[in-house]
Amino acid sequence: MKMENGKIVGDIQIAEDFQLNGTVTGSVTVSPNAHFQLQGMVLKNLVIEAGGSAEINGTVQGYVTNSGSLVVRGVIKGLLSTLSGTTETTASARISSQA
């Protein structure tokens, strides 16, 4: 699994297993067959495409759109939408709004 502890400026596309302990100033898109583990912060949006997966242990400032597999243990300050796939929220999750 690739790991980043610093700051990533702009939007990124996750195409491999990736753990973020730092900050992304833009949005993150998780491609099919990739897994994103967020321990840090995404300042804009998170999109999980069909076949992709993500774990939110940190914070997403914008919206989260899930078409894959998502586990939320952290904070989503925007809207959470599950278009397809599965979304699991734990007792520690804090979500502003769900569609």
PDB file of N, CA and C in Angstrom:
ATOM      1  N   MET A   1       0.850  -1.180   0.000  1.00  0.00           N
ATOM      2  CA  MET A   1       0.000   0.000   0.000  1.00  0.00           C
ATOM      3  C   MET A   1       0.892   1.239   0.000  1.00  0.00           C
ATOM      4  N   LYS A   2       0.625   2.150  -0.907  1.00  0.00           N
ATOM      5  CA  LYS A   2       1.341   3.417  -0.961  1.00  0.00           C
ATOM      6  C   LYS A   2       0.844   4.304   0.180  1.00  0.00           C
ATOM      7  N   MET A   3       1.755   5.093   0.783  1.00  0.00           N
ATOM      8  CA  MET A   3       1.383   5.939   1.910  1.00  0.00           C
ATOM      9  C   MET A   3       1.910   7.356   1.698  1.00  0.00           C
ATOM     10  N   GLU A   4       1.085   8.343   2.055  1.00  0.00           N
ATOM     11  CA  GLU A   4       1.472   9.753   1.960  1.00  0.00           C
ATOM     12  C   GLU A   4       1.206  10.415   3.303  1.00  0.00           C
ATOM     13  N   ASN A   5       2.230  11.083   3.842  1.00  0.00           N
ATOM     14  CA  ASN A   5       2.104  11.748   5.136  1.00  0.00           C
ATOM     15  C   ASN A   5       2.061  13.266   5.020  1.00  0.00           C
ATOM     16  N   GLY A   6       2.246  13.793   3.831  1.00  0.00           N
ATOM     17  CA  GLY A   6       2.329  15.235   3.659  1.00  0.00           C
ATOM     18  C   GLY A   6       1.077  15.845   3.065  1.00  0.00           C
ATOM     19  N   LYS A   7       1.293  16.911   2.304  1.00  0.00           N
ATOM     20  CA  LYS A   7       0.202  17.669   1.689  1.00  0.00           C
ATOM     21  C   LYS A   7       0.230  17.452   0.182  1.00  0.00           C
ATOM     22  N   ILE A   8      -0.936  17.121  -0.388  1.00  0.00           N
ATOM     23  CA  ILE A   8      -1.083  16.979  -1.832  1.00  0.00           C
ATOM     24  C   ILE A   8      -1.947  18.138  -2.303  1.00  0.00           C
ATOM     25  N   VAL A   9      -1.418  18.930  -3.222  1.00  0.00           N
ATOM     26  CA  VAL A   9      -2.130  20.106  -3.718  1.00  0.00           C
ATOM     27  C   VAL A   9      -2.924  19.729  -4.963  1.00  0.00           C
ATOM     28  N   GLY A  10      -4.228  20.047  -4.960  1.00  0.00           N
ATOM     29  CA  GLY A  10      -5.079  19.785  -6.111  1.00  0.00           C
ATOM     30  C   GLY A  10      -5.830  18.473  -6.001  1.00  0.00           C
ATOM     31  N   ASP A  11      -6.500  18.112  -7.106  1.00  0.00           N
ATOM     32  CA  ASP A  11      -7.295  16.888  -7.174  1.00  0.00           C
ATOM     33  C   ASP A  11      -6.390  15.693  -7.468  1.00  0.00           C
ATOM     34  N   ILE A  12      -6.779  14.510  -6.948  1.00  0.00           N
ATOM     35  CA  ILE A  12      -6.020  13.299  -7.252  1.00  0.00           C
ATOM     36  C   ILE A  12      -6.959  12.153  -7.598  1.00  0.00           C
ATOM     37  N   GLN A  13      -6.437  11.226  -8.403  1.00  0.00           N
ATOM     38  CA  GLN A  13      -7.127   9.991  -8.779  1.00  0.00           C
ATOM     39  C   GLN A  13      -6.352   8.850  -8.133  1.00  0.00           C
ATOM     40  N   ILE A  14      -7.041   8.023  -7.341  1.00  0.00           N
ATOM     41  CA  ILE A  14      -6.414   6.882  -6.673  1.00  0.00           C
ATOM     42  C   ILE A  14      -6.600   5.657  -7.563  1.00  0.00           C
ATOM     43  N   ALA A  15      -5.480   5.086  -8.052  1.00  0.00           N
ATOM     44  CA  ALA A  15      -5.545   3.933  -8.950  1.00  0.00           C
ATOM     45  C   ALA A  15      -4.898   2.694  -8.335  1.00  0.00           C
ATOM     46  N   GLU A  16      -4.418   2.817  -7.079  1.00  0.00           N
ATOM     47  CA  GLU A  16      -3.806   1.706  -6.355  1.00  0.00           C
ATOM     48  C   GLU A  16      -4.161   1.865  -4.879  1.00  0.00           C
ATOM     49  N   ASP A  17      -3.854   0.875  -4.081  1.00  0.00           N
ATOM     50  CA  ASP A  17      -4.128   0.982  -2.651  1.00  0.00           C
ATOM     51  C   ASP A  17      -3.286   2.112  -2.071  1.00  0.00           C
ATOM     52  N   PHE A  18      -3.946   3.012  -1.325  1.00  0.00           N
ATOM     53  CA  PHE A  18      -3.304   4.267  -0.920  1.00  0.00           C
ATOM     54  C   PHE A  18      -3.803   4.689   0.450  1.00  0.00           C
ATOM     55  N   GLN A  19      -2.869   5.018   1.344  1.00  0.00           N
ATOM     56  CA  GLN A  19      -3.222   5.537   2.666  1.00  0.00           C
ATOM     57  C   GLN A  19      -2.748   6.970   2.775  1.00  0.00           C
ATOM     58  N   LEU A  20      -3.662   7.866   3.158  1.00  0.00           N
ATOM     59  CA  LEU A  20      -3.335   9.274   3.326  1.00  0.00           C
ATOM     60  C   LEU A  20      -3.379   9.626   4.804  1.00  0.00           C
ATOM     61  N   ASN A  21      -2.231  10.042   5.337  1.00  0.00           N
ATOM     62  CA  ASN A  21      -2.138  10.513   6.709  1.00  0.00           C
ATOM     63  C   ASN A  21      -2.037  12.031   6.750  1.00  0.00           C
ATOM     64  N   GLY A  22      -2.007  12.652   5.592  1.00  0.00           N
ATOM     65  CA  GLY A  22      -1.863  14.092   5.482  1.00  0.00           C
ATOM     66  C   GLY A  22      -3.130  14.752   4.978  1.00  0.00           C
ATOM     67  N   THR A  23      -2.957  15.690   4.022  1.00  0.00           N
ATOM     68  CA  THR A  23      -4.070  16.495   3.517  1.00  0.00           C
ATOM     69  C   THR A  23      -4.045  16.549   1.995  1.00  0.00           C
ATOM     70  N   VAL A  24      -5.236  16.465   1.384  1.00  0.00           N
ATOM     71  CA  VAL A  24      -5.412  16.744  -0.042  1.00  0.00           C
ATOM     72  C   VAL A  24      -6.213  18.035  -0.122  1.00  0.00           C
ATOM     73  N   THR A  25      -5.686  19.042  -0.832  1.00  0.00           N
ATOM     74  CA  THR A  25      -6.377  20.332  -0.912  1.00  0.00           C
ATOM     75  C   THR A  25      -7.539  20.315  -1.894  1.00  0.00           C
ATOM     76  N   GLY A  26      -7.591  19.321  -2.755  1.00  0.00           N
ATOM     77  CA  GLY A  26      -8.661  19.208  -3.744  1.00  0.00           C
ATOM     78  C   GLY A  26      -9.577  18.044  -3.449  1.00  0.00           C
ATOM     79  N   SER A  27     -10.085  17.430  -4.521  1.00  0.00           N
ATOM     80  CA  SER A  27     -10.977  16.272  -4.420  1.00  0.00           C
ATOM     81  C   SER A  27     -10.206  14.987  -4.704  1.00  0.00           C
ATOM     82  N   VAL A  28     -10.760  13.869  -4.229  1.00  0.00           N
ATOM     83  CA  VAL A  28     -10.161  12.550  -4.438  1.00  0.00           C
ATOM     84  C   VAL A  28     -11.179  11.661  -5.137  1.00  0.00           C
ATOM     85  N   THR A  29     -10.746  10.978  -6.210  1.00  0.00           N
ATOM     86  CA  THR A  29     -11.566   9.986  -6.893  1.00  0.00           C
ATOM     87  C   THR A  29     -10.871   8.639  -6.768  1.00  0.00           C
ATOM     88  N   VAL A  30     -11.614   7.629  -6.300  1.00  0.00           N
ATOM     89  CA  VAL A  30     -11.069   6.283  -6.132  1.00  0.00           C
ATOM     90  C   VAL A  30     -11.529   5.428  -7.311  1.00  0.00           C
ATOM     91  N   SER A  31     -10.575   4.940  -8.091  1.00  0.00           N
ATOM     92  CA  SER A  31     -10.851   4.140  -9.287  1.00  0.00           C
ATOM     93  C   SER A  31     -11.252   2.713  -8.922  1.00  0.00           C
ATOM     94  N   PRO A  32     -11.855   1.986  -9.885  1.00  0.00           N
ATOM     95  CA  PRO A  32     -12.150   0.567  -9.664  1.00  0.00           C
ATOM     96  C   PRO A  32     -10.877  -0.203  -9.294  1.00  0.00           C
ATOM     97  N   ASN A  33     -11.014  -1.179  -8.417  1.00  0.00           N
ATOM     98  CA  ASN A  33      -9.914  -2.036  -7.958  1.00  0.00           C
ATOM     99  C   ASN A  33      -8.872  -1.313  -7.116  1.00  0.00           C
ATOM    100  N   ALA A  34      -9.178  -0.110  -6.650  1.00  0.00           N
ATOM    101  CA  ALA A  34      -8.273   0.627  -5.766  1.00  0.00           C
ATOM    102  C   ALA A  34      -8.943   0.808  -4.407  1.00  0.00           C
ATOM    103  N   HIS A  35      -8.112   0.943  -3.361  1.00  0.00           N
ATOM    104  CA  HIS A  35      -8.613   1.160  -2.003  1.00  0.00           C
ATOM    105  C   HIS A  35      -7.947   2.408  -1.440  1.00  0.00           C
ATOM    106  N   PHE A  36      -8.744   3.284  -0.832  1.00  0.00           N
ATOM    107  CA  PHE A  36      -8.253   4.531  -0.246  1.00  0.00           C
ATOM    108  C   PHE A  36      -8.551   4.525   1.242  1.00  0.00           C
ATOM    109  N   GLN A  37      -7.504   4.672   2.048  1.00  0.00           N
ATOM    110  CA  GLN A  37      -7.659   4.734   3.498  1.00  0.00           C
ATOM    111  C   GLN A  37      -7.302   6.147   3.937  1.00  0.00           C
ATOM    112  N   LEU A  38      -8.303   6.878   4.415  1.00  0.00           N
ATOM    113  CA  LEU A  38      -8.114   8.271   4.814  1.00  0.00           C
ATOM    114  C   LEU A  38      -7.948   8.358   6.319  1.00  0.00           C
ATOM    115  N   GLN A  39      -6.750   8.747   6.736  1.00  0.00           N
ATOM    116  CA  GLN A  39      -6.471   9.007   8.143  1.00  0.00           C
ATOM    117  C   GLN A  39      -6.372  10.517   8.372  1.00  0.00           C
ATOM    118  N   GLY A  40      -6.220  11.267   7.299  1.00  0.00           N
ATOM    119  CA  GLY A  40      -6.031  12.704   7.371  1.00  0.00           C
ATOM    120  C   GLY A  40      -7.271  13.461   6.944  1.00  0.00           C
ATOM    121  N   MET A  41      -7.096  14.385   5.967  1.00  0.00           N
ATOM    122  CA  MET A  41      -8.194  15.262   5.578  1.00  0.00           C
ATOM    123  C   MET A  41      -8.229  15.484   4.072  1.00  0.00           C
ATOM    124  N   VAL A  42      -9.445  15.454   3.515  1.00  0.00           N
ATOM    125  CA  VAL A  42      -9.699  15.852   2.130  1.00  0.00           C
ATOM    126  C   VAL A  42     -10.492  17.147   2.210  1.00  0.00           C
ATOM    127  N   LEU A  43      -9.954  18.224   1.629  1.00  0.00           N
ATOM    128  CA  LEU A  43     -10.583  19.539   1.772  1.00  0.00           C
ATOM    129  C   LEU A  43     -11.776  19.754   0.853  1.00  0.00           C
ATOM    130  N   LYS A  44     -11.904  18.941  -0.195  1.00  0.00           N
ATOM    131  CA  LYS A  44     -13.061  19.053  -1.085  1.00  0.00           C
ATOM    132  C   LYS A  44     -13.869  17.764  -1.030  1.00  0.00           C
ATOM    133  N   ASN A  45     -14.023  17.055  -2.144  1.00  0.00           N
ATOM    134  CA  ASN A  45     -14.959  15.930  -2.226  1.00  0.00           C
ATOM    135  C   ASN A  45     -14.246  14.592  -2.386  1.00  0.00           C
ATOM    136  N   LEU A  46     -14.983  13.521  -2.082  1.00  0.00           N
ATOM    137  CA  LEU A  46     -14.493  12.160  -2.271  1.00  0.00           C
ATOM    138  C   LEU A  46     -15.509  11.403  -3.105  1.00  0.00           C
ATOM    139  N   VAL A  47     -15.050  10.808  -4.213  1.00  0.00           N
ATOM    140  CA  VAL A  47     -15.902  10.012  -5.098  1.00  0.00           C
ATOM    141  C   VAL A  47     -15.314   8.610  -5.176  1.00  0.00           C
ATOM    142  N   ILE A  48     -16.124   7.608  -4.825  1.00  0.00           N
ATOM    143  CA  ILE A  48     -15.707   6.216  -4.933  1.00  0.00           C
ATOM    144  C   ILE A  48     -16.443   5.614  -6.119  1.00  0.00           C
ATOM    145  N   GLU A  49     -15.692   5.245  -7.157  1.00  0.00           N
ATOM    146  CA  GLU A  49     -16.293   4.666  -8.350  1.00  0.00           C
ATOM    147  C   GLU A  49     -16.640   3.196  -8.108  1.00  0.00           C
ATOM    148  N   ALA A  50     -17.518   2.634  -8.948  1.00  0.00           N
ATOM    149  CA  ALA A  50     -17.898   1.222  -8.846  1.00  0.00           C
ATOM    150  C   ALA A  50     -16.648   0.354  -8.885  1.00  0.00           C
ATOM    151  N   GLY A  51     -16.541  -0.562  -7.945  1.00  0.00           N
ATOM    152  CA  GLY A  51     -15.373  -1.426  -7.863  1.00  0.00           C
ATOM    153  C   GLY A  51     -14.259  -0.879  -7.000  1.00  0.00           C
ATOM    154  N   GLY A  52     -14.363   0.370  -6.586  1.00  0.00           N
ATOM    155  CA  GLY A  52     -13.393   0.981  -5.685  1.00  0.00           C
ATOM    156  C   GLY A  52     -13.876   0.889  -4.248  1.00  0.00           C
ATOM    157  N   SER A  53     -12.974   1.152  -3.304  1.00  0.00           N
ATOM    158  CA  SER A  53     -13.362   1.119  -1.899  1.00  0.00           C
ATOM    159  C   SER A  53     -12.610   2.184  -1.119  1.00  0.00           C
ATOM    160  N   ALA A  54     -13.210   2.591   0.007  1.00  0.00           N
ATOM    161  CA  ALA A  54     -12.584   3.611   0.845  1.00  0.00           C
ATOM    162  C   ALA A  54     -12.981   3.426   2.297  1.00  0.00           C
ATOM    163  N   GLU A  55     -12.076   3.845   3.181  1.00  0.00           N
ATOM    164  CA  GLU A  55     -12.330   3.921   4.616  1.00  0.00           C
ATOM    165  C   GLU A  55     -12.051   5.353   5.031  1.00  0.00           C
ATOM    166  N   ILE A  56     -13.024   5.987   5.663  1.00  0.00           N
ATOM    167  CA  ILE A  56     -12.836   7.350   6.161  1.00  0.00           C
ATOM    168  C   ILE A  56     -12.646   7.267   7.669  1.00  0.00           C
ATOM    169  N   ASN A  57     -11.404   7.458   8.104  1.00  0.00           N
ATOM    170  CA  ASN A  57     -11.085   7.524   9.522  1.00  0.00           C
ATOM    171  C   ASN A  57     -10.772   8.959   9.917  1.00  0.00           C
ATOM    172  N   GLY A  58     -10.577   9.808   8.921  1.00  0.00           N
ATOM    173  CA  GLY A  58     -10.284  11.212   9.122  1.00  0.00           C
ATOM    174  C   GLY A  58     -11.491  12.063   8.775  1.00  0.00           C
ATOM    175  N   THR A  59     -11.270  13.143   7.985  1.00  0.00           N
ATOM    176  CA  THR A  59     -12.323  14.111   7.684  1.00  0.00           C
ATOM    177  C   THR A  59     -12.391  14.417   6.195  1.00  0.00           C
ATOM    178  N   VAL A  60     -13.616  14.456   5.662  1.00  0.00           N
ATOM    179  CA  VAL A  60     -13.879  14.967   4.317  1.00  0.00           C
ATOM    180  C   VAL A  60     -14.698  16.233   4.494  1.00  0.00           C
ATOM    181  N   GLN A  61     -14.183  17.358   3.998  1.00  0.00           N
ATOM    182  CA  GLN A  61     -14.858  18.648   4.159  1.00  0.00           C
ATOM    183  C   GLN A  61     -16.058  18.795   3.231  1.00  0.00           C
ATOM    184  N   GLY A  62     -16.014  18.176   2.063  1.00  0.00           N
ATOM    185  CA  GLY A  62     -17.077  18.304   1.069  1.00  0.00           C
ATOM    186  C   GLY A  62     -18.011  17.115   1.081  1.00  0.00           C
ATOM    187  N   TYR A  63     -18.547  16.791  -0.101  1.00  0.00           N
ATOM    188  CA  TYR A  63     -19.482  15.675  -0.209  1.00  0.00           C
ATOM    189  C   TYR A  63     -18.732  14.374  -0.484  1.00  0.00           C
ATOM    190  N   VAL A  64     -19.414  13.251  -0.206  1.00  0.00           N
ATOM    191  CA  VAL A  64     -18.901  11.919  -0.519  1.00  0.00           C
ATOM    192  C   VAL A  64     -19.951  11.219  -1.363  1.00  0.00           C
ATOM    193  N   THR A  65     -19.545  10.736  -2.545  1.00  0.00           N
ATOM    194  CA  THR A  65     -20.430   9.987  -3.426  1.00  0.00           C
ATOM    195  C   THR A  65     -19.871   8.580  -3.567  1.00  0.00           C
ATOM    196  N   ASN A  66     -20.657   7.585  -3.150  1.00  0.00           N
ATOM    197  CA  ASN A  66     -20.193   6.208  -3.150  1.00  0.00           C
ATOM    198  C   ASN A  66     -20.932   5.364  -4.182  1.00  0.00           C
ATOM    199  N   SER A  67     -20.156   4.732  -5.068  1.00  0.00           N
ATOM    200  CA  SER A  67     -20.689   3.732  -5.994  1.00  0.00           C
ATOM    201  C   SER A  67     -19.963   2.408  -5.816  1.00  0.00           C
ATOM    202  N   GLY A  68     -19.138   2.318  -4.776  1.00  0.00           N
ATOM    203  CA  GLY A  68     -18.355   1.113  -4.509  1.00  0.00           C
ATOM    204  C   GLY A  68     -18.614   0.598  -3.113  1.00  0.00           C
ATOM    205  N   SER A  69     -17.565   0.586  -2.309  1.00  0.00           N
ATOM    206  CA  SER A  69     -17.649   0.117  -0.925  1.00  0.00           C
ATOM    207  C   SER A  69     -17.040   1.180  -0.017  1.00  0.00           C
ATOM    208  N   LEU A  70     -17.775   1.567   1.023  1.00  0.00           N
ATOM    209  CA  LEU A  70     -17.336   2.649   1.903  1.00  0.00           C
ATOM    210  C   LEU A  70     -17.591   2.292   3.353  1.00  0.00           C
ATOM    211  N   VAL A  71     -16.588   2.557   4.204  1.00  0.00           N
ATOM    212  CA  VAL A  71     -16.738   2.456   5.658  1.00  0.00           C
ATOM    213  C   VAL A  71     -16.406   3.825   6.231  1.00  0.00           C
ATOM    214  N   VAL A  72     -17.332   4.375   7.032  1.00  0.00           N
ATOM    215  CA  VAL A  72     -17.135   5.697   7.628  1.00  0.00           C
ATOM    216  C   VAL A  72     -16.981   5.542   9.136  1.00  0.00           C
ATOM    217  N   ARG A  73     -15.804   5.918   9.628  1.00  0.00           N
ATOM    218  CA  ARG A  73     -15.540   5.964  11.065  1.00  0.00           C
ATOM    219  C   ARG A  73     -15.238   7.388  11.508  1.00  0.00           C
ATOM    220  N   GLY A  74     -15.012   8.265  10.536  1.00  0.00           N
ATOM    221  CA  GLY A  74     -14.604   9.631  10.807  1.00  0.00           C
ATOM    222  C   GLY A  74     -15.715  10.630  10.563  1.00  0.00           C
ATOM    223  N   VAL A  75     -15.373  11.759   9.914  1.00  0.00           N
ATOM    224  CA  VAL A  75     -16.276  12.894   9.760  1.00  0.00           C
ATOM    225  C   VAL A  75     -16.481  13.216   8.283  1.00  0.00           C
ATOM    226  N   ILE A  76     -17.748  13.408   7.895  1.00  0.00           N
ATOM    227  CA  ILE A  76     -18.101  13.940   6.577  1.00  0.00           C
ATOM    228  C   ILE A  76     -18.886  15.211   6.834  1.00  0.00           C
ATOM    229  N   LYS A  77     -18.321  16.354   6.431  1.00  0.00           N
ATOM    230  CA  LYS A  77     -18.981  17.632   6.702  1.00  0.00           C
ATOM    231  C   LYS A  77     -20.021  17.991   5.657  1.00  0.00           C
ATOM    232  N   GLY A  78     -19.974  17.340   4.499  1.00  0.00           N
ATOM    233  CA  GLY A  78     -20.953  17.576   3.443  1.00  0.00           C
ATOM    234  C   GLY A  78     -21.951  16.437   3.364  1.00  0.00           C
ATOM    235  N   LEU A  79     -22.550  16.279   2.204  1.00  0.00           N
ATOM    236  CA  LEU A  79     -23.582  15.276   1.949  1.00  0.00           C
ATOM    237  C   LEU A  79     -22.946  13.928   1.614  1.00  0.00           C
ATOM    238  N   LEU A  80     -23.478  12.855   2.188  1.00  0.00           N
ATOM    239  CA  LEU A  80     -23.086  11.493   1.836  1.00  0.00           C
ATOM    240  C   LEU A  80     -24.170  10.896   0.963  1.00  0.00           C
ATOM    241  N   SER A  81     -23.801  10.479  -0.262  1.00  0.00           N
ATOM    242  CA  SER A  81     -24.739   9.842  -1.190  1.00  0.00           C
ATOM    243  C   SER A  81     -24.207   8.472  -1.572  1.00  0.00           C
ATOM    244  N   THR A  82     -25.043   7.444  -1.425  1.00  0.00           N
ATOM    245  CA  THR A  82     -24.695   6.111  -1.888  1.00  0.00           C
ATOM    246  C   THR A  82     -25.515   5.840  -3.143  1.00  0.00           C
ATOM    247  N   LEU A  83     -24.850   5.858  -4.302  1.00  0.00           N
ATOM    248  CA  LEU A  83     -25.526   5.630  -5.579  1.00  0.00           C
ATOM    249  C   LEU A  83     -25.695   4.139  -5.833  1.00  0.00           C
ATOM    250  N   SER A  84     -24.687   3.363  -5.462  1.00  0.00           N
ATOM    251  CA  SER A  84     -24.726   1.903  -5.537  1.00  0.00           C
ATOM    252  C   SER A  84     -23.644   1.395  -4.604  1.00  0.00           C
ATOM    253  N   GLY A  85     -23.533   0.090  -4.477  1.00  0.00           N
ATOM    254  CA  GLY A  85     -22.525  -0.461  -3.584  1.00  0.00           C
ATOM    255  C   GLY A  85     -22.997  -0.452  -2.144  1.00  0.00           C
ATOM    256  N   THR A  86     -22.038  -0.465  -1.217  1.00  0.00           N
ATOM    257  CA  THR A  86     -22.369  -0.540   0.201  1.00  0.00           C
ATOM    258  C   THR A  86     -21.725   0.592   0.983  1.00  0.00           C
ATOM    259  N   THR A  87     -22.451   1.090   1.968  1.00  0.00           N
ATOM    260  CA  THR A  87     -21.930   2.099   2.883  1.00  0.00           C
ATOM    261  C   THR A  87     -22.179   1.629   4.303  1.00  0.00           C
ATOM    262  N   GLU A  88     -21.106   1.560   5.081  1.00  0.00           N
ATOM    263  CA  GLU A  88     -21.199   1.190   6.497  1.00  0.00           C
ATOM    264  C   GLU A  88     -20.765   2.385   7.333  1.00  0.00           C
ATOM    265  N   THR A  89     -21.573   2.746   8.314  1.00  0.00           N
ATOM    266  CA  THR A  89     -21.197   3.812   9.237  1.00  0.00           C
ATOM    267  C   THR A  89     -21.103   3.225  10.636  1.00  0.00           C
ATOM    268  N   THR A  90     -20.065   3.595  11.358  1.00  0.00           N
ATOM    269  CA  THR A  90     -19.871   3.100  12.714  1.00  0.00           C
ATOM    270  C   THR A  90     -20.394   4.124  13.714  1.00  0.00           C
ATOM    271  N   ALA A  91     -20.400   3.752  14.971  1.00  0.00           N
ATOM    272  CA  ALA A  91     -20.890   4.642  16.031  1.00  0.00           C
ATOM    273  C   ALA A  91     -20.054   5.910  16.144  1.00  0.00           C
ATOM    274  N   SER A  92     -18.790   5.855  15.750  1.00  0.00           N
ATOM    275  CA  SER A  92     -17.919   7.029  15.842  1.00  0.00           C
ATOM    276  C   SER A  92     -18.081   7.990  14.667  1.00  0.00           C
ATOM    277  N   ALA A  93     -18.814   7.594  13.625  1.00  0.00           N
ATOM    278  CA  ALA A  93     -18.977   8.423  12.422  1.00  0.00           C
ATOM    279  C   ALA A  93     -19.804   9.669  12.715  1.00  0.00           C
ATOM    280  N   ARG A  94     -19.413  10.779  12.095  1.00  0.00           N
ATOM    281  CA  ARG A  94     -20.156  12.037  12.179  1.00  0.00           C
ATOM    282  C   ARG A  94     -20.404  12.513  10.748  1.00  0.00           C
ATOM    283  N   ILE A  95     -21.678  12.521  10.351  1.00  0.00           N
ATOM    284  CA  ILE A  95     -22.054  12.869   8.978  1.00  0.00           C
ATOM    285  C   ILE A  95     -23.076  13.985   9.029  1.00  0.00           C
ATOM    286  N   SER A  96     -22.803  15.077   8.296  1.00  0.00           N
ATOM    287  CA  SER A  96     -23.708  16.234   8.320  1.00  0.00           C
ATOM    288  C   SER A  96     -25.057  15.926   7.700  1.00  0.00           C
ATOM    289  N   SER A  97     -25.061  15.221   6.545  1.00  0.00           N
ATOM    290  CA  SER A  97     -26.315  14.972   5.835  1.00  0.00           C
ATOM    291  C   SER A  97     -26.175  13.747   4.943  1.00  0.00           C
ATOM    292  N   GLN A  98     -27.242  12.944   4.845  1.00  0.00           N
ATOM    293  CA  GLN A  98     -27.235  11.770   3.980  1.00  0.00           C
ATOM    294  C   GLN A  98     -28.380  11.838   2.991  1.00  0.00           C
ATOM    295  N   ALA A  99     -28.102  11.385   1.747  1.00  0.00           N
ATOM    296  CA  ALA A  99     -29.142  11.331   0.719  1.00  0.00           C
ATOM    297  C   ALA A  99     -29.510   9.895   0.455  1.00  0.00           C
TER     298      ALA A  99
END
